[in-house]
Each structure stands twice: as structure tokens, then as C-alpha cells.
C-alpha atoms as a PDB file:
ATOM      1  CA  MET A   1       0.000   0.000   0.000  1.00  0.00           C
ATOM      2  CA  LEU A   2       2.889   2.367   0.755  1.00  0.00           C
ATOM      3  CA  ALA A   3       4.444   1.665  -2.647  1.00  0.00           C
ATOM      4  CA  LEU A   4       1.138   2.293  -4.413  1.00  0.00           C
ATOM      5  CA  ALA A   5       0.623   5.536  -2.478  1.00  0.00           C
ATOM      6  CA  LEU A   6       4.072   6.739  -3.508  1.00  0.00           C
ATOM      7  CA  LEU A   7       3.372   5.641  -7.079  1.00  0.00           C
ATOM      8  CA  PHE A   8       0.283   7.802  -7.449  1.00  0.00           C
ATOM      9  CA  ALA A   9       2.097  10.708  -5.771  1.00  0.00           C
ATOM     10  CA  ALA A  10       5.069  10.444  -8.157  1.00  0.00           C
ATOM     11  CA  PRO A  11       4.090  13.256 -10.584  1.00  0.00           C
ATOM     12  CA  ALA A  12       4.265  15.803  -7.752  1.00  0.00           C
ATOM     13  CA  TYR A  13       7.890  15.081  -6.855  1.00  0.00           C
ATOM     14  CA  GLY A  14       9.769  15.989 -10.017  1.00  0.00           C
ATOM     15  CA  GLU A  15      12.075  14.109 -12.309  1.00  0.00           C
ATOM     16  CA  GLY A  16      13.861  12.150  -9.567  1.00  0.00           C
ATOM     17  CA  LEU A  17      10.804  10.007  -8.897  1.00  0.00           C
ATOM     18  CA  SER A  18       8.992   7.804 -11.399  1.00  0.00           C
ATOM     19  CA  GLY A  19       6.488   4.982 -11.192  1.00  0.00           C
ATOM     20  CA  GLN A  20       4.479   2.387 -13.012  1.00  0.00           C
ATOM     21  CA  VAL A  21       1.231   0.516 -12.463  1.00  0.00           C
ATOM     22  CA  SER A  22       0.460  -2.738 -14.297  1.00  0.00           C
ATOM     23  CA  LEU A  23      -2.323  -5.255 -14.731  1.00  0.00           C
ATOM     24  CA  LEU A  24      -1.222  -8.783 -15.709  1.00  0.00           C
ATOM     25  CA  SER A  25      -3.320 -11.793 -16.686  1.00  0.00           C
ATOM     26  CA  ASN A  26      -0.853 -13.957 -14.725  1.00  0.00           C
ATOM     27  CA  TYR A  27       2.188 -13.008 -12.614  1.00  0.00           C
ATOM     28  CA  VAL A  28       5.083 -15.245 -13.671  1.00  0.00           C
ATOM     29  CA  TRP A  29       8.381 -14.726 -11.831  1.00  0.00           C
ATOM     30  CA  ARG A  30      11.440 -16.711 -12.851  1.00  0.00           C
ATOM     31  CA  GLY A  31       9.221 -19.120 -14.756  1.00  0.00           C
ATOM     32  CA  ILE A  32       6.857 -19.837 -11.845  1.00  0.00           C
ATOM     33  CA  SER A  33       3.337 -18.405 -11.558  1.00  0.00           C
ATOM     34  CA  GLU A  34       3.014 -16.528  -8.265  1.00  0.00           C
ATOM     35  CA  SER A  35      -0.660 -15.782  -8.876  1.00  0.00           C
ATOM     36  CA  SER A  36      -1.786 -19.371  -9.598  1.00  0.00           C
ATOM     37  CA  GLY A  37      -2.684 -18.358 -13.146  1.00  0.00           C
ATOM     38  CA  ASN A  38      -4.941 -15.512 -11.959  1.00  0.00           C
ATOM     39  CA  PRO A  39      -4.658 -11.783 -12.769  1.00  0.00           C
ATOM     40  CA  ALA A  40      -2.335  -9.624 -10.681  1.00  0.00           C
ATOM     41  CA  LEU A  41      -2.166  -5.879  -9.995  1.00  0.00           C
ATOM     42  CA  GLN A  42       1.276  -4.354  -9.537  1.00  0.00           C
ATOM     43  CA  GLY A  43       2.820  -0.987  -8.819  1.00  0.00           C
ATOM     44  CA  SER A  44       6.360   0.316  -8.474  1.00  0.00           C
ATOM     45  CA  VAL A  45       8.081   3.576  -7.648  1.00  0.00           C
ATOM     46  CA  LEU A  46      11.707   4.451  -8.412  1.00  0.00           C
ATOM     47  CA  ALA A  47      13.686   7.262  -6.770  1.00  0.00           C
ATOM     48  CA  LYS A  48      16.973   8.317  -8.395  1.00  0.00           C
ATOM     49  CA  GLY A  49      19.668  10.213  -6.539  1.00  0.00           C
ATOM     50  CA  PRO A  50      23.130  11.575  -7.281  1.00  0.00           C
ATOM     51  CA  ALA A  51      26.032   9.469  -8.603  1.00  0.00           C
ATOM     52  CA  GLY A  52      23.706   6.756  -9.910  1.00  0.00           C
ATOM     53  CA  LEU A  53      22.193   5.886  -6.525  1.00  0.00           C
ATOM     54  CA  TYR A  54      18.594   4.674  -6.561  1.00  0.00           C
ATOM     55  CA  ALA A  55      15.877   3.092  -4.411  1.00  0.00           C
ATOM     56  CA  ARG A  56      12.864   1.146  -5.691  1.00  0.00           C
ATOM     57  CA  ALA A  57       9.709  -0.238  -4.114  1.00  0.00           C
ATOM     58  CA  PHE A  58       7.491  -2.791  -5.865  1.00  0.00           C
ATOM     59  CA  VAL A  59       4.228  -4.402  -4.735  1.00  0.00           C
ATOM     60  CA  SER A  60       2.126  -7.149  -6.343  1.00  0.00           C
ATOM     61  CA  THR A  61      -0.960  -9.152  -5.514  1.00  0.00           C
ATOM     62  CA  LEU A  62      -0.301 -12.905  -5.287  1.00  0.00           C
ATOM     63  CA  ASP A  63      -1.759 -16.338  -4.771  1.00  0.00           C
ATOM     64  CA  TYR A  64       1.414 -18.168  -3.806  1.00  0.00           C
ATOM     65  CA  GLN A  65       1.981 -20.619  -0.926  1.00  0.00           C
ATOM     66  CA  GLY A  66      -0.637 -18.866   1.176  1.00  0.00           C
ATOM     67  CA  ALA A  67       0.627 -15.348   0.438  1.00  0.00           C
ATOM     68  CA  ASN A  68      -1.600 -12.654  -1.080  1.00  0.00           C
ATOM     69  CA  VAL A  69       0.865  -9.743  -1.309  1.00  0.00           C
ATOM     70  CA  ARG A  70       4.561  -9.395  -2.097  1.00  0.00           C
ATOM     71  CA  ALA A  71       6.568  -6.191  -1.682  1.00  0.00           C
ATOM     72  CA  ASP A  72      10.161  -5.791  -2.867  1.00  0.00           C
ATOM     73  CA  PHE A  73      12.485  -3.053  -1.616  1.00  0.00           C
ATOM     74  CA  SER A  74      15.690  -2.497  -3.611  1.00  0.00           C
ATOM     75  CA  GLY A  75      18.603  -0.105  -3.457  1.00  0.00           C
ATOM     76  CA  GLY A  76      21.888   0.236  -5.283  1.00  0.00           C
ATOM     77  CA  ILE A  77      23.930   2.111  -7.839  1.00  0.00           C
ATOM     78  CA  SER A  78      23.526   2.106 -11.612  1.00  0.00           C
ATOM     79  CA  ASP A  79      25.791   3.757 -14.159  1.00  0.00           C
ATOM     80  CA  MET A  80      27.296   3.515 -17.641  1.00  0.00           C
ATOM     81  CA  THR A  81      31.016   3.149 -18.426  1.00  0.00           C
ATOM     82  CA  PRO A  82      32.661   5.156 -21.254  1.00  0.00           C
ATOM     83  CA  SER A  83      32.730   1.965 -23.342  1.00  0.00           C
ATOM     84  CA  GLY A  84      28.925   1.735 -23.245  1.00  0.00           C
ATOM     85  CA  LEU A  85      28.733  -1.066 -20.672  1.00  0.00           C
ATOM     86  CA  GLY A  86      25.994  -0.427 -18.138  1.00  0.00           C
ATOM     87  CA  PHE A  87      26.101  -1.905 -14.657  1.00  0.00           C
ATOM     88  CA  ASN A  88      23.656  -2.135 -11.786  1.00  0.00           C
ATOM     89  CA  VAL A  89      24.689  -3.480  -8.373  1.00  0.00           C
ATOM     90  CA  GLY A  90      22.495  -3.590  -5.281  1.00  0.00           C
ATOM     91  CA  ALA A  91      20.305  -5.626  -2.958  1.00  0.00           C
ATOM     92  CA  THR A  92      16.613  -6.510  -2.697  1.00  0.00           C
ATOM     93  CA  ALA A  93      14.527  -7.467   0.339  1.00  0.00           C
ATOM     94  CA  TYR A  94      11.517  -9.596  -0.667  1.00  0.00           C
ATOM     95  CA  ARG A  95       8.645  -9.330   1.803  1.00  0.00           C
ATOM     96  CA  PHE A  96       5.432 -11.398   1.804  1.00  0.00           C
ATOM     97  CA  ASP A  97       2.405 -11.373   4.063  1.00  0.00           C
ATOM     98  CA  VAL A  98       3.576 -14.890   5.013  1.00  0.00           C
ATOM     99  CA  ASN A  99       6.822 -14.197   6.880  1.00  0.00           C
ATOM    100  CA  SER A 100       8.344 -17.619   6.254  1.00  0.00           C
ATOM    101  CA  LEU A 101       8.686 -16.716   2.547  1.00  0.00           C
ATOM    102  CA  ASN A 102      10.791 -13.587   3.171  1.00  0.00           C
ATOM    103  CA  PHE A 103      14.358 -13.473   1.856  1.00  0.00           C
ATOM    104  CA  GLU A 104      17.042 -11.066   0.589  1.00  0.00           C
ATOM    105  CA  GLU A 105      19.314 -11.069  -2.459  1.00  0.00           C
ATOM    106  CA  THR A 106      22.306  -9.146  -3.734  1.00  0.00           C
ATOM    107  CA  TYR A 107      22.648  -8.701  -7.475  1.00  0.00           C
ATOM    108  CA  LEU A 108      24.888  -7.551 -10.293  1.00  0.00           C
ATOM    109  CA  ARG A 109      23.378  -6.727 -13.686  1.00  0.00           C
ATOM    110  CA  LEU A 110      25.261  -5.833 -16.851  1.00  0.00           C
ATOM    111  CA  ARG A 111      23.958  -4.365 -20.104  1.00  0.00           C
ATOM    112  CA  PHE A 112      25.617  -3.712 -23.426  1.00  0.00           C
ATOM    113  CA  GLY A 113      23.415  -2.518 -26.238  1.00  0.00           C
ATOM    114  CA  SER A 114      20.507  -4.942 -26.602  1.00  0.00           C
ATOM    115  CA  LEU A 115      22.147  -7.636 -24.461  1.00  0.00           C
ATOM    116  CA  SER A 116      21.879  -8.012 -20.688  1.00  0.00           C
ATOM    117  CA  ALA A 117      22.954 -10.474 -18.001  1.00  0.00           C
ATOM    118  CA  GLY A 118      22.560 -10.722 -14.253  1.00  0.00           C
ATOM    119  CA  ILE A 119      23.434 -12.771 -11.198  1.00  0.00           C
ATOM    120  CA  TYR A 120      21.330 -12.769  -8.004  1.00  0.00           C
ATOM    121  CA  HIS A 121      22.341 -14.518  -4.790  1.00  0.00           C
ATOM    122  CA  ASP A 122      20.443 -15.281  -1.588  1.00  0.00           C
ATOM    123  CA  TRP A 123      23.286 -15.628   0.940  1.00  0.00           C
ATOM    124  CA  GLN A 124      21.092 -16.925   3.763  1.00  0.00           C
ATOM    125  CA  HIS A 125      19.784 -19.901   1.783  1.00  0.00           C
ATOM    126  CA  ASP A 126      22.694 -20.148  -0.694  1.00  0.00           C
ATOM    127  CA  ASN A 127      20.445 -19.918  -3.756  1.00  0.00           C
ATOM    128  CA  THR A 128      21.512 -18.325  -7.059  1.00  0.00           C
ATOM    129  CA  TYR A 129      19.641 -17.080 -10.104  1.00  0.00           C
ATOM    130  CA  LEU A 130      21.402 -16.364 -13.417  1.00  0.00           C
ATOM    131  CA  GLU A 131      19.688 -14.583 -16.279  1.00  0.00           C
ATOM    132  CA  THR A 132      20.388 -13.380 -19.798  1.00  0.00           C
ATOM    133  CA  GLY A 133      18.232 -11.171 -21.984  1.00  0.00           C
ATOM    134  CA  TYR A 134      17.940  -9.571 -25.395  1.00  0.00           C
ATOM    135  CA  ARG A 135      15.712  -6.601 -26.159  1.00  0.00           C
ATOM    136  CA  VAL A 136      15.524  -4.962 -29.563  1.00  0.00           C
ATOM    137  CA  GLY A 137      13.252  -2.379 -31.143  1.00  0.00           C
ATOM    138  CA  LEU A 138      11.354  -3.449 -34.250  1.00  0.00           C
ATOM    139  CA  GLY A 139      10.004   0.016 -35.061  1.00  0.00           C
ATOM    140  CA  SER A 140       6.742   1.838 -34.352  1.00  0.00           C
ATOM    141  CA  GLY A 141       7.163   1.360 -30.605  1.00  0.00           C
ATOM    142  CA  VAL A 142       7.325  -2.453 -30.848  1.00  0.00           C
ATOM    143  CA  HIS A 143      10.027  -4.376 -28.960  1.00  0.00           C
ATOM    144  CA  LEU A 144      11.043  -8.023 -29.043  1.00  0.00           C
ATOM    145  CA  ILE A 145      12.200  -9.474 -25.704  1.00  0.00           C
ATOM    146  CA  LEU A 146      14.034 -12.779 -25.201  1.00  0.00           C
ATOM    147  CA  HIS A 147      14.873 -14.173 -21.766  1.00  0.00           C
ATOM    148  CA  GLY A 148      16.686 -17.145 -20.269  1.00  0.00           C
ATOM    149  CA  GLY A 149      17.288 -17.954 -16.604  1.00  0.00           C
ATOM    150  CA  HIS A 150      18.779 -20.657 -14.398  1.00  0.00           C
ATOM    151  CA  THR A 151      17.849 -21.320 -10.757  1.00  0.00           C
ATOM    152  CA  SER A 152      20.026 -23.432  -8.443  1.00  0.00           C
ATOM    153  CA  GLY A 153      20.845 -23.666  -4.760  1.00  0.00           C
ATOM    154  CA  ARG A 154      20.528 -25.364  -1.430  1.00  0.00           C
ATOM    155  CA  THR A 155      16.803 -24.878  -0.772  1.00  0.00           C
ATOM    156  CA  VAL A 156      15.414 -24.677  -4.341  1.00  0.00           C
ATOM    157  CA  ALA A 157      15.175 -27.226  -7.125  1.00  0.00           C
ATOM    158  CA  SER A 158      17.415 -26.596 -10.113  1.00  0.00           C
ATOM    159  CA  TYR A 159      15.641 -25.558 -13.308  1.00  0.00           C
ATOM    160  CA  ASP A 160      15.874 -23.322 -16.371  1.00  0.00           C
ATOM    161  CA  ASP A 161      13.247 -20.816 -17.492  1.00  0.00           C
ATOM    162  CA  TYR A 162      12.729 -19.247 -20.892  1.00  0.00           C
ATOM    163  CA  GLY A 163      10.597 -16.432 -22.221  1.00  0.00           C
ATOM    164  CA  ILE A 164       9.747 -14.520 -25.364  1.00  0.00           C
ATOM    165  CA  GLY A 165       7.593 -11.420 -25.597  1.00  0.00           C
ATOM    166  CA  LEU A 166       6.423  -8.525 -27.717  1.00  0.00           C
ATOM    167  CA  THR A 167       5.537  -5.089 -26.365  1.00  0.00           C
ATOM    168  CA  LYS A 168       3.965  -2.035 -27.969  1.00  0.00           C
ATOM    169  CA  SER A 169       4.205   1.423 -26.413  1.00  0.00           C
ATOM    170  CA  TRP A 170       2.052   4.528 -26.897  1.00  0.00           C
ATOM    171  CA  HIS A 171       3.279   7.525 -24.940  1.00  0.00           C
ATOM    172  CA  ARG A 172       3.226   6.254 -21.317  1.00  0.00           C
ATOM    173  CA  PHE A 173       1.142   3.136 -21.988  1.00  0.00           C
ATOM    174  CA  THR A 174       2.572  -0.283 -22.880  1.00  0.00           C
ATOM    175  CA  VAL A 175       0.806  -3.511 -23.808  1.00  0.00           C
ATOM    176  CA  GLY A 176       2.597  -6.823 -24.065  1.00  0.00           C
ATOM    177  CA  VAL A 177       2.209 -10.541 -24.611  1.00  0.00           C
ATOM    178  CA  PHE A 178       4.719 -12.992 -23.170  1.00  0.00           C
ATOM    179  CA  VAL A 179       5.177 -16.759 -23.378  1.00  0.00           C
ATOM    180  CA  THR A 180       7.219 -18.520 -20.678  1.00  0.00           C
ATOM    181  CA  ALA A 181       8.170 -22.118 -19.949  1.00  0.00           C
ATOM    182  CA  ILE A 182      10.519 -24.012 -17.651  1.00  0.00           C
ATOM    183  CA  ASP A 183      12.775 -27.058 -17.974  1.00  0.00           C
ATOM    184  CA  ARG A 184      13.465 -28.879 -14.725  1.00  0.00           C
ATOM    185  CA  HIS A 185      16.674 -30.851 -14.175  1.00  0.00           C
ATOM    186  CA  PRO A 186      17.561 -33.405 -15.276  1.00  0.00           C
ATOM    187  CA  LEU A 187      16.526 -32.157 -18.690  1.00  0.00           C
ATOM    188  CA  SER A 188      12.875 -33.065 -19.153  1.00  0.00           C
ATOM    189  CA  GLY A 189      11.783 -30.756 -21.952  1.00  0.00           C
ATOM    190  CA  LEU A 190       9.754 -27.572 -21.790  1.00  0.00           C
ATOM    191  CA  HIS A 191       6.594 -27.572 -19.680  1.00  0.00           C
ATOM    192  CA  ASP A 192       4.558 -25.343 -17.341  1.00  0.00           C
ATOM    193  CA  ALA A 193       4.050 -22.899 -20.214  1.00  0.00           C
ATOM    194  CA  HIS A 194       2.231 -19.630 -19.509  1.00  0.00           C
ATOM    195  CA  VAL A 195       0.886 -16.936 -21.813  1.00  0.00           C
ATOM    196  CA  VAL A 196       0.776 -13.549 -20.067  1.00  0.00           C
ATOM    197  CA  LEU A 197      -0.977 -10.394 -21.232  1.00  0.00           C
ATOM    198  CA  ALA A 198       0.115  -7.120 -19.618  1.00  0.00           C
ATOM    199  CA  LEU A 199      -1.020  -3.502 -19.619  1.00  0.00           C
ATOM    200  CA  SER A 200       1.015  -0.828 -17.860  1.00  0.00           C
ATOM    201  CA  GLN A 201       1.206   2.927 -17.483  1.00  0.00           C
ATOM    202  CA  ALA A 202       4.340   4.782 -16.451  1.00  0.00           C
ATOM    203  CA  TRP A 203       4.890   8.226 -14.900  1.00  0.00           C
END
């Protein structure tokens, strides 16, 4: 609720604060549906400071292991090197209305042109998530998005997740369609496929 309140207040606080609200037909995170295939409402607010410092709050409705709400709180530093390599390093605290699901991660993300990669690590549970992505404009506000991820660790089963999506933007509105699937280890082929429709507005 705090994140949503800040989101709707964002236009009054200048260029250092931005936000987004989204409606999804299904909330899929790292290949797993956290809304049990049901629609989800999400909001986020991002505050940027000097020297690339930032803080972000995100909230989403859920239907996941007894939880109905998830709120993420992130902070870090993001910048671009003279060679065009972008980096983003920080930490996220994931908070659910079921306390036993709470955890924290540190992360490092890199971006060069249309390519991106990231590593996320939960030090308490010794779990790691690796991801790669490709995003390219096709013209007229349309973007193609490709995604691949790998989950492994001490308290999670090892699996890969894949995604492909198309988005179309008009001014501050974006619509998108995404297809995701996972491949559990040992290799068993793609399954648990989801088709997600999304509508978002940014400020």
C-alpha cells in the first residue's frame, strides 16, 4: 500500500521520482506463476539520486503458498562506463504477508546494447539465479524481448526458465504478450508454459 501511495504521488515530486502501475493476466516470476494463473495488480516507484544511486519499491498481488501480497524493496547504484557497458549493483529485500517466505538477495546486472545479463544470490539460503536477456526495437514502438534464466541452490530445485515477448508502447502506456516455460533438471523438456498479457502505465 505504501508503494502504491508513492506511485500515485510520483508526478508531484519531479524528475527524480517515477512509477508504473500494471495489470497482468498472470504473474510469472522466474518461470513460476506466483498468482496461480490468476490476474495480478502491480505498482512500483523508483527514486533516483546523485552518482547513480537509486531506491525502488514494488508491490504485487499474489496467490502463492498462502501469500496474497509481495513487496520488494531495492537499493543500489547504476551507471554507464565510457565503453557503453551499463552496470547495476544492489540488494533486494523480498517481503510477503507470510513471513516464512521472506528473503534477501544481492545482485549484479550488466547491459551492453541490446544484451543483458545478471546474477542474483540469496546468501542466507545459498540460492543463485542467473539470467540473460535480449531486447531490440522493431520500429513503431514495438520491442522483441528474449529471456533465459537458471535457478540453483541449497533450498530450491534446479531448473531453467525461458521467455519470449512482444511489447507495444504509446506515450506512457505499454501492452505486451509474453510466453514462458521451464525445464526442470535433469533435462525433461519444456513444460509449465504460460501466456501472459500485460497492460502498464508509467509516470
